[in-house]
Amino acid sequence: MLSVLGAIDSLPDPTLLKIAKRTGLDKKSVTHMIAQAIEQAGVKISKTGPVYKLDDWGSIIQRTGAKMVLEGS
């Protein structure tokens, strides 16, 4: 889930295809992870046309900590 959120947050114009390519997941898994993040972690993600936007990391996942995990810090 964190890798999908990180891809949405860092990619320019993150589409489903770009997110899948960045994470190495198939498009169905990416879609499932996005839905899971919204439902379980309270993340707010919007979509305009094919482009996703991470509006709010929610109260469970802290952006700074997630970035550190993804960067291996």
N, C-alpha and C. Protein backbone atom coordinates (compact mmCIF):
# COMPACT_ATOMS: atom_id res chain seq x y z
N MET A 1 0.82 -1.19 0.00
CA MET A 1 0.00 0.00 0.00
C MET A 1 0.86 1.26 0.00
N LEU A 2 1.93 1.25 0.82
CA LEU A 2 2.80 2.43 0.89
C LEU A 2 3.46 2.73 -0.44
N SER A 3 3.85 1.69 -1.17
CA SER A 3 4.51 1.93 -2.46
C SER A 3 3.55 2.59 -3.45
N VAL A 4 2.28 2.20 -3.42
CA VAL A 4 1.28 2.81 -4.30
C VAL A 4 1.06 4.26 -3.91
N LEU A 5 0.91 4.52 -2.61
CA LEU A 5 0.72 5.89 -2.14
C LEU A 5 1.94 6.76 -2.46
N GLY A 6 3.13 6.19 -2.28
CA GLY A 6 4.35 6.92 -2.59
C GLY A 6 4.45 7.26 -4.07
N ALA A 7 4.02 6.32 -4.92
CA ALA A 7 4.04 6.57 -6.37
C ALA A 7 3.07 7.69 -6.73
N ILE A 8 1.87 7.64 -6.16
CA ILE A 8 0.88 8.69 -6.44
C ILE A 8 1.42 10.05 -6.00
N ASP A 9 2.07 10.06 -4.84
CA ASP A 9 2.57 11.32 -4.28
C ASP A 9 3.76 11.89 -5.05
N SER A 10 4.57 11.02 -5.65
CA SER A 10 5.82 11.50 -6.24
C SER A 10 5.82 11.60 -7.77
N LEU A 11 4.97 10.85 -8.44
CA LEU A 11 4.96 10.88 -9.90
C LEU A 11 4.27 12.14 -10.44
N PRO A 12 4.78 12.68 -11.54
CA PRO A 12 4.03 13.76 -12.19
C PRO A 12 2.86 13.12 -12.95
N ASP A 13 1.67 13.62 -12.76
CA ASP A 13 0.46 13.09 -13.41
C ASP A 13 0.36 11.57 -13.28
N PRO A 14 0.22 11.06 -12.04
CA PRO A 14 0.20 9.61 -11.82
C PRO A 14 -1.08 8.94 -12.33
N THR A 15 -0.95 8.24 -13.44
CA THR A 15 -2.06 7.46 -13.99
C THR A 15 -1.91 6.03 -13.48
N LEU A 16 -2.94 5.22 -13.68
CA LEU A 16 -2.90 3.82 -13.25
C LEU A 16 -1.70 3.10 -13.87
N LEU A 17 -1.44 3.34 -15.14
CA LEU A 17 -0.33 2.69 -15.82
C LEU A 17 1.02 3.12 -15.23
N LYS A 18 1.19 4.42 -14.97
CA LYS A 18 2.45 4.91 -14.39
C LYS A 18 2.66 4.37 -12.98
N ILE A 19 1.58 4.30 -12.19
CA ILE A 19 1.68 3.78 -10.82
C ILE A 19 2.06 2.30 -10.86
N ALA A 20 1.42 1.54 -11.76
CA ALA A 20 1.72 0.12 -11.89
C ALA A 20 3.17 -0.09 -12.31
N LYS A 21 3.63 0.71 -13.25
CA LYS A 21 5.02 0.59 -13.71
C LYS A 21 6.01 0.92 -12.60
N ARG A 22 5.74 1.98 -11.83
CA ARG A 22 6.63 2.40 -10.74
C ARG A 22 6.70 1.35 -9.63
N THR A 23 5.54 0.75 -9.31
CA THR A 23 5.49 -0.19 -8.19
C THR A 23 5.79 -1.63 -8.57
N GLY A 24 5.68 -1.95 -9.85
CA GLY A 24 5.87 -3.33 -10.29
C GLY A 24 4.64 -4.20 -10.07
N LEU A 25 3.53 -3.57 -9.73
CA LEU A 25 2.27 -4.29 -9.52
C LEU A 25 1.42 -4.22 -10.78
N ASP A 26 0.49 -5.17 -10.92
CA ASP A 26 -0.44 -5.08 -12.04
C ASP A 26 -1.52 -4.04 -11.72
N LYS A 27 -2.23 -3.61 -12.74
CA LYS A 27 -3.20 -2.52 -12.58
C LYS A 27 -4.33 -2.90 -11.62
N LYS A 28 -4.75 -4.16 -11.63
CA LYS A 28 -5.81 -4.60 -10.73
C LYS A 28 -5.36 -4.49 -9.27
N SER A 29 -4.12 -4.87 -9.00
CA SER A 29 -3.59 -4.78 -7.64
C SER A 29 -3.47 -3.33 -7.19
N VAL A 30 -3.04 -2.46 -8.10
CA VAL A 30 -2.93 -1.03 -7.77
C VAL A 30 -4.31 -0.48 -7.42
N THR A 31 -5.30 -0.79 -8.23
CA THR A 31 -6.67 -0.34 -7.97
C THR A 31 -7.16 -0.84 -6.62
N HIS A 32 -6.87 -2.10 -6.30
CA HIS A 32 -7.26 -2.68 -5.01
C HIS A 32 -6.55 -1.97 -3.86
N MET A 33 -5.27 -1.69 -4.02
CA MET A 33 -4.50 -1.01 -2.96
C MET A 33 -5.01 0.41 -2.72
N ILE A 34 -5.39 1.10 -3.77
CA ILE A 34 -5.95 2.45 -3.63
C ILE A 34 -7.25 2.38 -2.83
N ALA A 35 -8.12 1.45 -3.21
CA ALA A 35 -9.40 1.29 -2.49
C ALA A 35 -9.15 0.92 -1.03
N GLN A 36 -8.20 0.04 -0.79
CA GLN A 36 -7.85 -0.38 0.57
C GLN A 36 -7.33 0.80 1.39
N ALA A 37 -6.49 1.62 0.80
CA ALA A 37 -5.94 2.78 1.51
C ALA A 37 -7.06 3.75 1.90
N ILE A 38 -8.00 3.93 1.01
CA ILE A 38 -9.13 4.83 1.29
C ILE A 38 -10.00 4.26 2.41
N GLU A 39 -10.34 2.98 2.30
CA GLU A 39 -11.25 2.35 3.26
C GLU A 39 -10.61 2.11 4.63
N GLN A 40 -9.39 1.60 4.64
CA GLN A 40 -8.78 1.16 5.89
C GLN A 40 -7.91 2.21 6.57
N ALA A 41 -7.28 3.07 5.79
CA ALA A 41 -6.34 4.02 6.38
C ALA A 41 -6.86 5.46 6.35
N GLY A 42 -8.02 5.67 5.77
CA GLY A 42 -8.59 7.01 5.74
C GLY A 42 -7.87 7.97 4.81
N VAL A 43 -7.12 7.42 3.86
CA VAL A 43 -6.41 8.25 2.89
C VAL A 43 -7.43 8.86 1.93
N LYS A 44 -7.20 10.08 1.52
CA LYS A 44 -8.09 10.75 0.57
C LYS A 44 -7.37 10.85 -0.77
N ILE A 45 -7.94 10.20 -1.77
CA ILE A 45 -7.38 10.20 -3.12
C ILE A 45 -8.48 10.63 -4.08
N SER A 46 -8.16 11.59 -4.93
CA SER A 46 -9.12 12.02 -5.94
C SER A 46 -8.58 11.62 -7.31
N LYS A 47 -9.47 11.64 -8.28
CA LYS A 47 -9.08 11.27 -9.64
C LYS A 47 -9.76 12.23 -10.60
N THR A 48 -8.95 12.85 -11.45
CA THR A 48 -9.45 13.73 -12.49
C THR A 48 -9.05 13.12 -13.82
N GLY A 49 -10.04 12.62 -14.56
CA GLY A 49 -9.71 11.87 -15.76
C GLY A 49 -8.92 10.64 -15.35
N PRO A 50 -7.77 10.38 -15.98
CA PRO A 50 -6.97 9.22 -15.60
C PRO A 50 -5.95 9.50 -14.50
N VAL A 51 -5.87 10.74 -14.02
CA VAL A 51 -4.80 11.15 -13.10
C VAL A 51 -5.28 11.13 -11.64
N TYR A 52 -4.52 10.41 -10.82
CA TYR A 52 -4.81 10.33 -9.38
C TYR A 52 -4.08 11.45 -8.64
N LYS A 53 -4.65 11.85 -7.51
CA LYS A 53 -4.00 12.85 -6.65
C LYS A 53 -4.21 12.42 -5.21
N LEU A 54 -3.12 12.40 -4.45
CA LEU A 54 -3.20 12.08 -3.04
C LEU A 54 -3.48 13.38 -2.30
N ASP A 55 -4.73 13.54 -1.87
CA ASP A 55 -5.16 14.78 -1.23
C ASP A 55 -4.80 14.83 0.25
N ASP A 56 -4.84 13.68 0.92
CA ASP A 56 -4.58 13.64 2.36
C ASP A 56 -4.14 12.23 2.74
N TRP A 57 -3.05 12.14 3.48
CA TRP A 57 -2.53 10.84 3.93
C TRP A 57 -3.40 10.23 5.02
N GLY A 58 -4.35 10.97 5.56
CA GLY A 58 -5.21 10.46 6.62
C GLY A 58 -4.53 10.54 7.97
N SER A 59 -5.20 10.03 8.98
CA SER A 59 -4.68 10.13 10.35
C SER A 59 -3.84 8.92 10.76
N ILE A 60 -3.89 7.84 10.00
CA ILE A 60 -3.16 6.62 10.37
C ILE A 60 -1.74 6.63 9.81
N ILE A 61 -1.60 6.99 8.56
CA ILE A 61 -0.28 6.98 7.90
C ILE A 61 0.31 8.38 7.94
N GLN A 62 1.51 8.49 8.45
CA GLN A 62 2.19 9.78 8.47
C GLN A 62 3.10 9.87 7.24
N ARG A 63 2.94 10.93 6.46
CA ARG A 63 3.67 11.09 5.20
C ARG A 63 5.18 10.98 5.40
N THR A 64 5.71 11.65 6.40
CA THR A 64 7.16 11.65 6.63
C THR A 64 7.66 10.25 6.90
N GLY A 65 6.98 9.52 7.76
CA GLY A 65 7.37 8.15 8.08
C GLY A 65 7.26 7.23 6.88
N ALA A 66 6.20 7.38 6.11
CA ALA A 66 6.02 6.56 4.91
C ALA A 66 7.14 6.81 3.92
N LYS A 67 7.50 8.07 3.72
CA LYS A 67 8.59 8.42 2.80
C LYS A 67 9.91 7.81 3.27
N MET A 68 10.16 7.84 4.58
CA MET A 68 11.39 7.26 5.12
C MET A 68 11.45 5.76 4.86
N VAL A 69 10.34 5.09 5.06
CA VAL A 69 10.28 3.64 4.81
C VAL A 69 10.54 3.35 3.34
N LEU A 70 9.91 4.11 2.45
CA LEU A 70 10.07 3.88 1.02
C LEU A 70 11.48 4.19 0.53
N GLU A 71 12.14 5.15 1.16
CA GLU A 71 13.49 5.52 0.76
C GLU A 71 14.55 4.68 1.46
N GLY A 72 14.13 3.85 2.41
CA GLY A 72 15.07 2.99 3.13
C GLY A 72 15.86 3.71 4.19
N SER A 73 15.33 4.81 4.69
CA SER A 73 16.03 5.58 5.73
C SER A 73 15.84 4.97 7.09
